[in-house]
Amino acid sequence: QERLVESGGGLVQPGGSLTLSCAASGITFSIYTMGWYHQAPGNQRELVATITSSGSTAYADSVKGRFTISRDNAKNTVYLQMNSLKPEDTAVYYCNARYPGNARYNYWGQGTQVTVSS
């Protein structure tokens, strides 16, 4: 059964850092495009960053230069390193696994809360 489990969220002060992890199981991890999305209260879920099977990355303009997405195919895990955090980064962060060849294969984690506040 396909499963994505996020961890690493929490409370951090503005300017601080957090690293989120997403462990995947039940999928052939290496062939999936992996992504991080966030959703603040009252807002739609938005793309934060993606990384393809070949390692190409893409970022939302709001996080460029501050966040870094990476993957470890040996551990079936994708990471999101978040630096210089701002209060507006506060949201639930969701991990996504998407197989580019077939939209049917699209999975989500349960989310992890990130709160940036002093």
PDB file of N, CA and C in Angstrom:
ATOM      1  N   GLN A   1       0.839  -1.185   0.000  1.00  0.00           N
ATOM      2  CA  GLN A   1       0.000   0.000   0.000  1.00  0.00           C
ATOM      3  C   GLN A   1       0.883   1.247   0.000  1.00  0.00           C
ATOM      4  N   GLU A   2       0.485   2.220  -0.841  1.00  0.00           N
ATOM      5  CA  GLU A   2       1.269   3.440  -0.968  1.00  0.00           C
ATOM      6  C   GLU A   2       1.100   4.318   0.277  1.00  0.00           C
ATOM      7  N   ARG A   3       2.224   4.820   0.767  1.00  0.00           N
ATOM      8  CA  ARG A   3       2.168   5.635   1.968  1.00  0.00           C
ATOM      9  C   ARG A   3       3.281   6.657   1.965  1.00  0.00           C
ATOM     10  N   LEU A   4       2.937   7.890   2.352  1.00  0.00           N
ATOM     11  CA  LEU A   4       3.906   8.962   2.532  1.00  0.00           C
ATOM     12  C   LEU A   4       3.751   9.482   3.962  1.00  0.00           C
ATOM     13  N   VAL A   5       4.853   9.562   4.689  1.00  0.00           N
ATOM     14  CA  VAL A   5       4.803  10.007   6.080  1.00  0.00           C
ATOM     15  C   VAL A   5       5.770  11.164   6.275  1.00  0.00           C
ATOM     16  N   GLU A   6       5.204  12.334   6.573  1.00  0.00           N
ATOM     17  CA  GLU A   6       6.019  13.526   6.809  1.00  0.00           C
ATOM     18  C   GLU A   6       6.432  13.617   8.276  1.00  0.00           C
ATOM     19  N   SER A   7       7.558  14.259   8.509  1.00  0.00           N
ATOM     20  CA  SER A   7       8.012  14.546   9.862  1.00  0.00           C
ATOM     21  C   SER A   7       8.896  15.785   9.828  1.00  0.00           C
ATOM     22  N   GLY A   8       9.146  16.347  11.013  1.00  0.00           N
ATOM     23  CA  GLY A   8      10.068  17.471  11.124  1.00  0.00           C
ATOM     24  C   GLY A   8       9.423  18.828  11.315  1.00  0.00           C
ATOM     25  N   GLY A   9       8.101  18.882  11.279  1.00  0.00           N
ATOM     26  CA  GLY A   9       7.451  20.167  11.502  1.00  0.00           C
ATOM     27  C   GLY A   9       7.552  20.603  12.951  1.00  0.00           C
ATOM     28  N   GLY A  10       7.128  21.849  13.220  1.00  0.00           N
ATOM     29  CA  GLY A  10       7.159  22.350  14.581  1.00  0.00           C
ATOM     30  C   GLY A  10       7.087  23.857  14.618  1.00  0.00           C
ATOM     31  N   LEU A  11       7.414  24.390  15.782  1.00  0.00           N
ATOM     32  CA  LEU A  11       7.405  25.837  16.016  1.00  0.00           C
ATOM     33  C   LEU A  11       8.829  26.370  15.927  1.00  0.00           C
ATOM     34  N   VAL A  12       9.023  27.433  15.169  1.00  0.00           N
ATOM     35  CA  VAL A  12      10.350  28.020  15.008  1.00  0.00           C
ATOM     36  C   VAL A  12      10.208  29.535  14.956  1.00  0.00           C
ATOM     37  N   GLN A  13      11.213  30.230  15.430  1.00  0.00           N
ATOM     38  CA  GLN A  13      11.196  31.691  15.399  1.00  0.00           C
ATOM     39  C   GLN A  13      11.508  32.206  13.998  1.00  0.00           C
ATOM     40  N   PRO A  14      11.037  33.395  13.680  1.00  0.00           N
ATOM     41  CA  PRO A  14      11.414  33.996  12.380  1.00  0.00           C
ATOM     42  C   PRO A  14      12.921  34.034  12.214  1.00  0.00           C
ATOM     43  N   GLY A  15      13.358  33.693  11.005  1.00  0.00           N
ATOM     44  CA  GLY A  15      14.783  33.621  10.730  1.00  0.00           C
ATOM     45  C   GLY A  15      15.390  32.263  11.003  1.00  0.00           C
ATOM     46  N   GLY A  16      14.633  31.395  11.620  1.00  0.00           N
ATOM     47  CA  GLY A  16      15.128  30.061  11.958  1.00  0.00           C
ATOM     48  C   GLY A  16      15.039  29.079  10.804  1.00  0.00           C
ATOM     49  N   SER A  17      15.397  27.829  11.105  1.00  0.00           N
ATOM     50  CA  SER A  17      15.442  26.783  10.084  1.00  0.00           C
ATOM     51  C   SER A  17      14.724  25.524  10.567  1.00  0.00           C
ATOM     52  N   LEU A  18      14.204  24.783   9.618  1.00  0.00           N
ATOM     53  CA  LEU A  18      13.620  23.470   9.867  1.00  0.00           C
ATOM     54  C   LEU A  18      13.911  22.599   8.661  1.00  0.00           C
ATOM     55  N   THR A  19      14.001  21.292   8.901  1.00  0.00           N
ATOM     56  CA  THR A  19      14.104  20.341   7.803  1.00  0.00           C
ATOM     57  C   THR A  19      12.954  19.348   7.901  1.00  0.00           C
ATOM     58  N   LEU A  20      12.164  19.298   6.848  1.00  0.00           N
ATOM     59  CA  LEU A  20      11.079  18.328   6.770  1.00  0.00           C
ATOM     60  C   LEU A  20      11.558  17.087   6.030  1.00  0.00           C
ATOM     61  N   SER A  21      11.037  15.936   6.447  1.00  0.00           N
ATOM     62  CA  SER A  21      11.336  14.678   5.782  1.00  0.00           C
ATOM     63  C   SER A  21      10.035  14.006   5.385  1.00  0.00           C
ATOM     64  N   CYS A  22      10.080  13.248   4.313  1.00  0.00           N
ATOM     65  CA  CYS A  22       8.919  12.476   3.861  1.00  0.00           C
ATOM     66  C   CYS A  22       9.420  11.103   3.443  1.00  0.00           C
ATOM     67  N   ALA A  23       9.011  10.096   4.194  1.00  0.00           N
ATOM     68  CA  ALA A  23       9.399   8.722   3.898  1.00  0.00           C
ATOM     69  C   ALA A  23       8.290   8.041   3.108  1.00  0.00           C
ATOM     70  N   ALA A  24       8.658   7.476   1.977  1.00  0.00           N
ATOM     71  CA  ALA A  24       7.694   6.822   1.099  1.00  0.00           C
ATOM     72  C   ALA A  24       7.818   5.309   1.191  1.00  0.00           C
ATOM     73  N   SER A  25       6.678   4.647   1.049  1.00  0.00           N
ATOM     74  CA  SER A  25       6.661   3.193   0.979  1.00  0.00           C
ATOM     75  C   SER A  25       5.557   2.765   0.032  1.00  0.00           C
ATOM     76  N   GLY A  26       5.718   1.577  -0.535  1.00  0.00           N
ATOM     77  CA  GLY A  26       4.692   1.053  -1.427  1.00  0.00           C
ATOM     78  C   GLY A  26       4.732   1.600  -2.836  1.00  0.00           C
ATOM     79  N   ILE A  27       5.736   2.404  -3.164  1.00  0.00           N
ATOM     80  CA  ILE A  27       5.901   2.920  -4.521  1.00  0.00           C
ATOM     81  C   ILE A  27       7.347   2.711  -4.959  1.00  0.00           C
ATOM     82  N   THR A  28       7.565   2.742  -6.272  1.00  0.00           N
ATOM     83  CA  THR A  28       8.934   2.712  -6.796  1.00  0.00           C
ATOM     84  C   THR A  28       9.450   4.138  -6.745  1.00  0.00           C
ATOM     85  N   PHE A  29       9.980   4.495  -5.602  1.00  0.00           N
ATOM     86  CA  PHE A  29      10.276   5.882  -5.263  1.00  0.00           C
ATOM     87  C   PHE A  29      11.107   6.582  -6.331  1.00  0.00           C
ATOM     88  N   SER A  30      12.100   5.910  -6.855  1.00  0.00           N
ATOM     89  CA  SER A  30      13.078   6.565  -7.725  1.00  0.00           C
ATOM     90  C   SER A  30      12.485   7.100  -9.018  1.00  0.00           C
ATOM     91  N   ILE A  31      11.333   6.593  -9.447  1.00  0.00           N
ATOM     92  CA  ILE A  31      10.764   7.038 -10.718  1.00  0.00           C
ATOM     93  C   ILE A  31       9.707   8.122 -10.545  1.00  0.00           C
ATOM     94  N   TYR A  32       9.416   8.474  -9.296  1.00  0.00           N
ATOM     95  CA  TYR A  32       8.385   9.472  -9.023  1.00  0.00           C
ATOM     96  C   TYR A  32       8.979  10.876  -8.917  1.00  0.00           C
ATOM     97  N   THR A  33       8.223  11.840  -9.411  1.00  0.00           N
ATOM     98  CA  THR A  33       8.501  13.230  -9.078  1.00  0.00           C
ATOM     99  C   THR A  33       7.936  13.480  -7.684  1.00  0.00           C
ATOM    100  N   MET A  34       8.781  14.017  -6.810  1.00  0.00           N
ATOM    101  CA  MET A  34       8.377  14.280  -5.436  1.00  0.00           C
ATOM    102  C   MET A  34       8.200  15.790  -5.233  1.00  0.00           C
ATOM    103  N   GLY A  35       7.251  16.133  -4.403  1.00  0.00           N
ATOM    104  CA  GLY A  35       6.995  17.551  -4.188  1.00  0.00           C
ATOM    105  C   GLY A  35       6.563  17.870  -2.775  1.00  0.00           C
ATOM    106  N   TRP A  36       6.728  19.119  -2.428  1.00  0.00           N
ATOM    107  CA  TRP A  36       6.223  19.662  -1.164  1.00  0.00           C
ATOM    108  C   TRP A  36       5.236  20.778  -1.505  1.00  0.00           C
ATOM    109  N   TYR A  37       4.097  20.747  -0.832  1.00  0.00           N
ATOM    110  CA  TYR A  37       3.062  21.767  -0.968  1.00  0.00           C
ATOM    111  C   TYR A  37       2.758  22.288   0.430  1.00  0.00           C
ATOM    112  N   HIS A  38       2.191  23.478   0.496  1.00  0.00           N
ATOM    113  CA  HIS A  38       1.733  23.964   1.791  1.00  0.00           C
ATOM    114  C   HIS A  38       0.344  24.569   1.669  1.00  0.00           C
ATOM    115  N   GLN A  39      -0.347  24.572   2.796  1.00  0.00           N
ATOM    116  CA  GLN A  39      -1.710  25.106   2.841  1.00  0.00           C
ATOM    117  C   GLN A  39      -1.901  25.842   4.158  1.00  0.00           C
ATOM    118  N   ALA A  40      -2.121  27.150   4.058  1.00  0.00           N
ATOM    119  CA  ALA A  40      -2.413  27.970   5.228  1.00  0.00           C
ATOM    120  C   ALA A  40      -3.935  28.020   5.433  1.00  0.00           C
ATOM    121  N   PRO A  41      -4.382  28.289   6.643  1.00  0.00           N
ATOM    122  CA  PRO A  41      -5.825  28.345   6.902  1.00  0.00           C
ATOM    123  C   PRO A  41      -6.536  29.306   5.954  1.00  0.00           C
ATOM    124  N   GLY A  42      -7.608  28.842   5.326  1.00  0.00           N
ATOM    125  CA  GLY A  42      -8.386  29.671   4.426  1.00  0.00           C
ATOM    126  C   GLY A  42      -7.820  29.782   3.022  1.00  0.00           C
ATOM    127  N   ASN A  43      -6.662  29.161   2.810  1.00  0.00           N
ATOM    128  CA  ASN A  43      -6.029  29.238   1.482  1.00  0.00           C
ATOM    129  C   ASN A  43      -6.042  27.882   0.788  1.00  0.00           C
ATOM    130  N   GLN A  44      -5.784  27.915  -0.523  1.00  0.00           N
ATOM    131  CA  GLN A  44      -5.655  26.678  -1.268  1.00  0.00           C
ATOM    132  C   GLN A  44      -4.266  26.084  -1.048  1.00  0.00           C
ATOM    133  N   ARG A  45      -4.160  24.808  -1.314  1.00  0.00           N
ATOM    134  CA  ARG A  45      -2.868  24.147  -1.251  1.00  0.00           C
ATOM    135  C   ARG A  45      -2.014  24.657  -2.407  1.00  0.00           C
ATOM    136  N   GLU A  46      -0.767  25.018  -2.094  1.00  0.00           N
ATOM    137  CA  GLU A  46       0.115  25.609  -3.096  1.00  0.00           C
ATOM    138  C   GLU A  46       1.425  24.838  -3.200  1.00  0.00           C
ATOM    139  N   LEU A  47       1.972  24.839  -4.384  1.00  0.00           N
ATOM    140  CA  LEU A  47       3.254  24.193  -4.616  1.00  0.00           C
ATOM    141  C   LEU A  47       4.372  24.973  -3.936  1.00  0.00           C
ATOM    142  N   VAL A  48       5.259  24.254  -3.261  1.00  0.00           N
ATOM    143  CA  VAL A  48       6.458  24.854  -2.676  1.00  0.00           C
ATOM    144  C   VAL A  48       7.686  24.490  -3.505  1.00  0.00           C
ATOM    145  N   ALA A  49       7.871  23.201  -3.751  1.00  0.00           N
ATOM    146  CA  ALA A  49       9.052  22.750  -4.486  1.00  0.00           C
ATOM    147  C   ALA A  49       8.817  21.341  -5.009  1.00  0.00           C
ATOM    148  N   THR A  50       9.477  21.030  -6.127  1.00  0.00           N
ATOM    149  CA  THR A  50       9.431  19.676  -6.681  1.00  0.00           C
ATOM    150  C   THR A  50      10.829  19.235  -7.076  1.00  0.00           C
ATOM    151  N   ILE A  51      11.003  17.908  -7.136  1.00  0.00           N
ATOM    152  CA  ILE A  51      12.247  17.327  -7.607  1.00  0.00           C
ATOM    153  C   ILE A  51      11.893  16.102  -8.435  1.00  0.00           C
ATOM    154  N   THR A  52      12.428  16.052  -9.650  1.00  0.00           N
ATOM    155  CA  THR A  52      12.109  14.947 -10.546  1.00  0.00           C
ATOM    156  C   THR A  52      12.984  13.732 -10.237  1.00  0.00           C
ATOM    157  N   SER A  53      12.713  12.656 -10.958  1.00  0.00           N
ATOM    158  CA  SER A  53      13.497  11.435 -10.777  1.00  0.00           C
ATOM    159  C   SER A  53      14.953  11.653 -11.158  1.00  0.00           C
ATOM    160  N   SER A  54      15.210  12.594 -12.045  1.00  0.00           N
ATOM    161  CA  SER A  54      16.586  12.872 -12.470  1.00  0.00           C
ATOM    162  C   SER A  54      17.253  13.948 -11.617  1.00  0.00           C
ATOM    163  N   GLY A  55      16.502  14.495 -10.661  1.00  0.00           N
ATOM    164  CA  GLY A  55      17.084  15.469  -9.744  1.00  0.00           C
ATOM    165  C   GLY A  55      16.851  16.921 -10.101  1.00  0.00           C
ATOM    166  N   SER A  56      16.092  17.196 -11.142  1.00  0.00           N
ATOM    167  CA  SER A  56      15.784  18.577 -11.487  1.00  0.00           C
ATOM    168  C   SER A  56      14.808  19.152 -10.470  1.00  0.00           C
ATOM    169  N   THR A  57      15.059  20.383 -10.073  1.00  0.00           N
ATOM    170  CA  THR A  57      14.244  21.001  -9.032  1.00  0.00           C
ATOM    171  C   THR A  57      13.532  22.251  -9.548  1.00  0.00           C
ATOM    172  N   ALA A  58      12.437  22.577  -8.874  1.00  0.00           N
ATOM    173  CA  ALA A  58      11.689  23.791  -9.175  1.00  0.00           C
ATOM    174  C   ALA A  58      11.112  24.317  -7.869  1.00  0.00           C
ATOM    175  N   TYR A  59      11.013  25.652  -7.765  1.00  0.00           N
ATOM    176  CA  TYR A  59      10.572  26.277  -6.524  1.00  0.00           C
ATOM    177  C   TYR A  59       9.549  27.374  -6.794  1.00  0.00           C
ATOM    178  N   ALA A  60       8.673  27.560  -5.817  1.00  0.00           N
ATOM    179  CA  ALA A  60       7.810  28.735  -5.846  1.00  0.00           C
ATOM    180  C   ALA A  60       8.678  29.977  -5.646  1.00  0.00           C
ATOM    181  N   ASP A  61       8.290  31.065  -6.264  1.00  0.00           N
ATOM    182  CA  ASP A  61       9.081  32.297  -6.156  1.00  0.00           C
ATOM    183  C   ASP A  61       9.261  32.723  -4.697  1.00  0.00           C
ATOM    184  N   SER A  62       8.263  32.466  -3.881  1.00  0.00           N
ATOM    185  CA  SER A  62       8.287  32.921  -2.492  1.00  0.00           C
ATOM    186  C   SER A  62       9.341  32.215  -1.643  1.00  0.00           C
ATOM    187  N   VAL A  63       9.858  31.077  -2.109  1.00  0.00           N
ATOM    188  CA  VAL A  63      10.825  30.320  -1.300  1.00  0.00           C
ATOM    189  C   VAL A  63      12.191  30.197  -1.965  1.00  0.00           C
ATOM    190  N   LYS A  64      12.330  30.692  -3.191  1.00  0.00           N
ATOM    191  CA  LYS A  64      13.613  30.595  -3.893  1.00  0.00           C
ATOM    192  C   LYS A  64      14.723  31.257  -3.082  1.00  0.00           C
ATOM    193  N   GLY A  65      15.828  30.539  -2.961  1.00  0.00           N
ATOM    194  CA  GLY A  65      16.961  31.052  -2.218  1.00  0.00           C
ATOM    195  C   GLY A  65      16.899  30.762  -0.727  1.00  0.00           C
ATOM    196  N   ARG A  66      15.741  30.301  -0.251  1.00  0.00           N
ATOM    197  CA  ARG A  66      15.587  29.997   1.183  1.00  0.00           C
ATOM    198  C   ARG A  66      15.359  28.508   1.443  1.00  0.00           C
ATOM    199  N   PHE A  67      14.649  27.844   0.540  1.00  0.00           N
ATOM    200  CA  PHE A  67      14.313  26.435   0.713  1.00  0.00           C
ATOM    201  C   PHE A  67      15.088  25.593  -0.296  1.00  0.00           C
ATOM    202  N   THR A  68      15.409  24.365   0.103  1.00  0.00           N
ATOM    203  CA  THR A  68      16.087  23.418  -0.782  1.00  0.00           C
ATOM    204  C   THR A  68      15.415  22.061  -0.669  1.00  0.00           C
ATOM    205  N   ILE A  69      15.001  21.522  -1.820  1.00  0.00           N
ATOM    206  CA  ILE A  69      14.423  20.180  -1.856  1.00  0.00           C
ATOM    207  C   ILE A  69      15.506  19.202  -2.307  1.00  0.00           C
ATOM    208  N   SER A  70      15.522  18.021  -1.701  1.00  0.00           N
ATOM    209  CA  SER A  70      16.480  16.990  -2.087  1.00  0.00           C
ATOM    210  C   SER A  70      15.850  15.627  -1.865  1.00  0.00           C
ATOM    211  N   ARG A  71      16.464  14.605  -2.437  1.00  0.00           N
ATOM    212  CA  ARG A  71      15.929  13.257  -2.295  1.00  0.00           C
ATOM    213  C   ARG A  71      17.062  12.275  -2.091  1.00  0.00           C
ATOM    214  N   ASP A  72      16.745  11.188  -1.387  1.00  0.00           N
ATOM    215  CA  ASP A  72      17.674  10.084  -1.193  1.00  0.00           C
ATOM    216  C   ASP A  72      16.950   8.821  -1.630  1.00  0.00           C
ATOM    217  N   ASN A  73      17.231   8.375  -2.840  1.00  0.00           N
ATOM    218  CA  ASN A  73      16.506   7.223  -3.375  1.00  0.00           C
ATOM    219  C   ASN A  73      16.814   5.942  -2.610  1.00  0.00           C
ATOM    220  N   ALA A  74      17.979   5.865  -2.000  1.00  0.00           N
ATOM    221  CA  ALA A  74      18.323   4.676  -1.221  1.00  0.00           C
ATOM    222  C   ALA A  74      17.462   4.570   0.036  1.00  0.00           C
ATOM    223  N   LYS A  75      16.999   5.724   0.523  1.00  0.00           N
ATOM    224  CA  LYS A  75      16.181   5.745   1.744  1.00  0.00           C
ATOM    225  C   LYS A  75      14.707   6.006   1.439  1.00  0.00           C
ATOM    226  N   ASN A  76      14.355   6.133   0.156  1.00  0.00           N
ATOM    227  CA  ASN A  76      12.970   6.439  -0.237  1.00  0.00           C
ATOM    228  C   ASN A  76      12.444   7.667   0.496  1.00  0.00           C
ATOM    229  N   THR A  77      13.279   8.679   0.577  1.00  0.00           N
ATOM    230  CA  THR A  77      12.951   9.857   1.370  1.00  0.00           C
ATOM    231  C   THR A  77      13.241  11.141   0.596  1.00  0.00           C
ATOM    232  N   VAL A  78      12.341  12.104   0.744  1.00  0.00           N
ATOM    233  CA  VAL A  78      12.542  13.434   0.185  1.00  0.00           C
ATOM    234  C   VAL A  78      12.578  14.426   1.346  1.00  0.00           C
ATOM    235  N   TYR A  79      13.393  15.460   1.184  1.00  0.00           N
ATOM    236  CA  TYR A  79      13.616  16.432   2.246  1.00  0.00           C
ATOM    237  C   TYR A  79      13.279  17.833   1.759  1.00  0.00           C
ATOM    238  N   LEU A  80      12.946  18.691   2.722  1.00  0.00           N
ATOM    239  CA  LEU A  80      12.794  20.114   2.432  1.00  0.00           C
ATOM    240  C   LEU A  80      13.538  20.875   3.524  1.00  0.00           C
ATOM    241  N   GLN A  81      14.678  21.440   3.155  1.00  0.00           N
ATOM    242  CA  GLN A  81      15.440  22.275   4.070  1.00  0.00           C
ATOM    243  C   GLN A  81      14.910  23.696   3.961  1.00  0.00           C
ATOM    244  N   MET A  82      14.447  24.235   5.077  1.00  0.00           N
ATOM    245  CA  MET A  82      13.837  25.564   5.080  1.00  0.00           C
ATOM    246  C   MET A  82      14.667  26.484   5.962  1.00  0.00           C
ATOM    247  N   ASN A  83      15.224  27.514   5.358  1.00  0.00           N
ATOM    248  CA  ASN A  83      16.033  28.499   6.062  1.00  0.00           C
ATOM    249  C   ASN A  83      15.364  29.863   6.000  1.00  0.00           C
ATOM    250  N   SER A  84      15.817  30.753   6.866  1.00  0.00           N
ATOM    251  CA  SER A  84      15.303  32.133   6.893  1.00  0.00           C
ATOM    252  C   SER A  84      13.784  32.148   6.903  1.00  0.00           C
ATOM    253  N   LEU A  85      13.207  31.356   7.769  1.00  0.00           N
ATOM    254  CA  LEU A  85      11.758  31.214   7.795  1.00  0.00           C
ATOM    255  C   LEU A  85      11.064  32.509   8.189  1.00  0.00           C
ATOM    256  N   LYS A  86       9.902  32.718   7.580  1.00  0.00           N
ATOM    257  CA  LYS A  86       9.101  33.916   7.804  1.00  0.00           C
ATOM    258  C   LYS A  86       7.734  33.513   8.365  1.00  0.00           C
ATOM    259  N   PRO A  87       7.076  34.419   9.060  1.00  0.00           N
ATOM    260  CA  PRO A  87       5.726  34.090   9.568  1.00  0.00           C
ATOM    261  C   PRO A  87       4.777  33.631   8.458  1.00  0.00           C
ATOM    262  N   GLU A  88       4.939  34.172   7.264  1.00  0.00           N
ATOM    263  CA  GLU A  88       4.064  33.781   6.157  1.00  0.00           C
ATOM    264  C   GLU A  88       4.334  32.367   5.637  1.00  0.00           C
ATOM    265  N   ASP A  89       5.390  31.724   6.111  1.00  0.00           N
ATOM    266  CA  ASP A  89       5.642  30.315   5.777  1.00  0.00           C
ATOM    267  C   ASP A  89       4.796  29.378   6.637  1.00  0.00           C
ATOM    268  N   THR A  90       4.121  29.927   7.634  1.00  0.00           N
ATOM    269  CA  THR A  90       3.289  29.110   8.512  1.00  0.00           C
ATOM    270  C   THR A  90       2.181  28.435   7.717  1.00  0.00           C
ATOM    271  N   ALA A  91       2.117  27.103   7.814  1.00  0.00           N
ATOM    272  CA  ALA A  91       1.149  26.313   7.043  1.00  0.00           C
ATOM    273  C   ALA A  91       1.312  24.845   7.407  1.00  0.00           C
ATOM    274  N   VAL A  92       0.380  24.045   6.925  1.00  0.00           N
ATOM    275  CA  VAL A  92       0.573  22.604   6.929  1.00  0.00           C
ATOM    276  C   VAL A  92       1.321  22.250   5.647  1.00  0.00           C
ATOM    277  N   TYR A  93       2.395  21.490   5.788  1.00  0.00           N
ATOM    278  CA  TYR A  93       3.210  21.093   4.645  1.00  0.00           C
ATOM    279  C   TYR A  93       2.914  19.633   4.293  1.00  0.00           C
ATOM    280  N   TYR A  94       2.625  19.413   3.012  1.00  0.00           N
ATOM    281  CA  TYR A  94       2.254  18.097   2.526  1.00  0.00           C
ATOM    282  C   TYR A  94       3.292  17.578   1.529  1.00  0.00           C
ATOM    283  N   CYS A  95       3.580  16.317   1.632  1.00  0.00           N
ATOM    284  CA  CYS A  95       4.449  15.620   0.685  1.00  0.00           C
ATOM    285  C   CYS A  95       3.585  15.021  -0.418  1.00  0.00           C
ATOM    286  N   ASN A  96       4.099  15.064  -1.641  1.00  0.00           N
ATOM    287  CA  ASN A  96       3.375  14.518  -2.792  1.00  0.00           C
ATOM    288  C   ASN A  96       4.301  13.653  -3.626  1.00  0.00           C
ATOM    289  N   ALA A  97       3.763  12.544  -4.107  1.00  0.00           N
ATOM    290  CA  ALA A  97       4.477  11.681  -5.046  1.00  0.00           C
ATOM    291  C   ALA A  97       3.630  11.566  -6.296  1.00  0.00           C
ATOM    292  N   ARG A  98       4.229  11.877  -7.434  1.00  0.00           N
ATOM    293  CA  ARG A  98       3.477  11.883  -8.692  1.00  0.00           C
ATOM    294  C   ARG A  98       4.292  11.174  -9.762  1.00  0.00           C
ATOM    295  N   TYR A  99       3.635  10.206 -10.434  1.00  0.00           N
ATOM    296  CA  TYR A  99       4.310   9.525 -11.542  1.00  0.00           C
ATOM    297  C   TYR A  99       4.005  10.291 -12.815  1.00  0.00           C
ATOM    298  N   PRO A 100       5.007  10.860 -13.453  1.00  0.00           N
ATOM    299  CA  PRO A 100       4.745  11.736 -14.601  1.00  0.00           C
ATOM    300  C   PRO A 100       4.009  11.059 -15.755  1.00  0.00           C
ATOM    301  N   GLY A 101       4.159   9.743 -15.881  1.00  0.00           N
ATOM    302  CA  GLY A 101       3.573   9.072 -17.029  1.00  0.00           C
ATOM    303  C   GLY A 101       2.096   8.757 -16.902  1.00  0.00           C
ATOM    304  N   ASN A 102       1.540   8.902 -15.692  1.00  0.00           N
ATOM    305  CA  ASN A 102       0.150   8.509 -15.500  1.00  0.00           C
ATOM    306  C   ASN A 102      -0.406   9.240 -14.286  1.00  0.00           C
ATOM    307  N   ALA A 103      -1.351  10.136 -14.511  1.00  0.00           N
ATOM    308  CA  ALA A 103      -1.910  10.964 -13.433  1.00  0.00           C
ATOM    309  C   ALA A 103      -2.628  10.138 -12.371  1.00  0.00           C
ATOM    310  N   ARG A 104      -2.920   8.895 -12.680  1.00  0.00           N
ATOM    311  CA  ARG A 104      -3.585   8.022 -11.716  1.00  0.00           C
ATOM    312  C   ARG A 104      -2.706   7.807 -10.489  1.00  0.00           C
ATOM    313  N   TYR A 105      -1.401   7.805 -10.692  1.00  0.00           N
ATOM    314  CA  TYR A 105      -0.476   7.515  -9.605  1.00  0.00           C
ATOM    315  C   TYR A 105      -0.014   8.826  -8.971  1.00  0.00           C
ATOM    316  N   ASN A 106      -0.805   9.299  -8.028  1.00  0.00           N
ATOM    317  CA  ASN A 106      -0.594  10.589  -7.376  1.00  0.00           C
ATOM    318  C   ASN A 106      -0.982  10.430  -5.914  1.00  0.00           C
ATOM    319  N   TYR A 107      -0.024  10.582  -5.012  1.00  0.00           N
ATOM    320  CA  TYR A 107      -0.251  10.274  -3.599  1.00  0.00           C
ATOM    321  C   TYR A 107       0.149  11.436  -2.712  1.00  0.00           C
ATOM    322  N   TRP A 108      -0.526  11.513  -1.549  1.00  0.00           N
ATOM    323  CA  TRP A 108      -0.290  12.593  -0.588  1.00  0.00           C
ATOM    324  C   TRP A 108      -0.029  12.029   0.802  1.00  0.00           C
ATOM    325  N   GLY A 109       0.811  12.750   1.552  1.00  0.00           N
ATOM    326  CA  GLY A 109       0.975  12.458   2.958  1.00  0.00           C
ATOM    327  C   GLY A 109      -0.105  13.149   3.771  1.00  0.00           C
ATOM    328  N   GLN A 110      -0.022  12.964   5.082  1.00  0.00           N
ATOM    329  CA  GLN A 110      -1.040  13.497   5.970  1.00  0.00           C
ATOM    330  C   GLN A 110      -0.770  14.943   6.394  1.00  0.00           C
ATOM    331  N   GLY A 111       0.423  15.411   6.129  1.00  0.00           N
ATOM    332  CA  GLY A 111       0.784  16.784   6.437  1.00  0.00           C
ATOM    333  C   GLY A 111       1.482  16.942   7.768  1.00  0.00           C
ATOM    334  N   THR A 112       2.308  17.984   7.855  1.00  0.00           N
ATOM    335  CA  THR A 112       2.990  18.328   9.102  1.00  0.00           C
ATOM    336  C   THR A 112       2.925  19.841   9.266  1.00  0.00           C
ATOM    337  N   GLN A 113       2.609  20.272  10.486  1.00  0.00           N
ATOM    338  CA  GLN A 113       2.416  21.704  10.748  1.00  0.00           C
ATOM    339  C   GLN A 113       3.764  22.398  10.940  1.00  0.00           C
ATOM    340  N   VAL A 114       3.920  23.518  10.266  1.00  0.00           N
ATOM    341  CA  VAL A 114       5.063  24.404  10.479  1.00  0.00           C
ATOM    342  C   VAL A 114       4.517  25.755  10.921  1.00  0.00           C
ATOM    343  N   THR A 115       4.961  26.211  12.077  1.00  0.00           N
ATOM    344  CA  THR A 115       4.532  27.500  12.613  1.00  0.00           C
ATOM    345  C   THR A 115       5.760  28.369  12.847  1.00  0.00           C
ATOM    346  N   VAL A 116       5.759  29.543  12.221  1.00  0.00           N
ATOM    347  CA  VAL A 116       6.868  30.485  12.372  1.00  0.00           C
ATOM    348  C   VAL A 116       6.346  31.680  13.163  1.00  0.00           C
ATOM    349  N   SER A 117       6.811  31.790  14.394  1.00  0.00           N
ATOM    350  CA  SER A 117       6.297  32.831  15.279  1.00  0.00           C
ATOM    351  C   SER A 117       7.294  33.114  16.393  1.00  0.00           C
ATOM    352  N   SER A 118       7.313  34.349  16.829  1.00  0.00           N
ATOM    353  CA  SER A 118       8.164  34.715  17.966  1.00  0.00           C
ATOM    354  C   SER A 118       7.368  34.638  19.273  1.00  0.00           C
TER     355      SER A 118
END
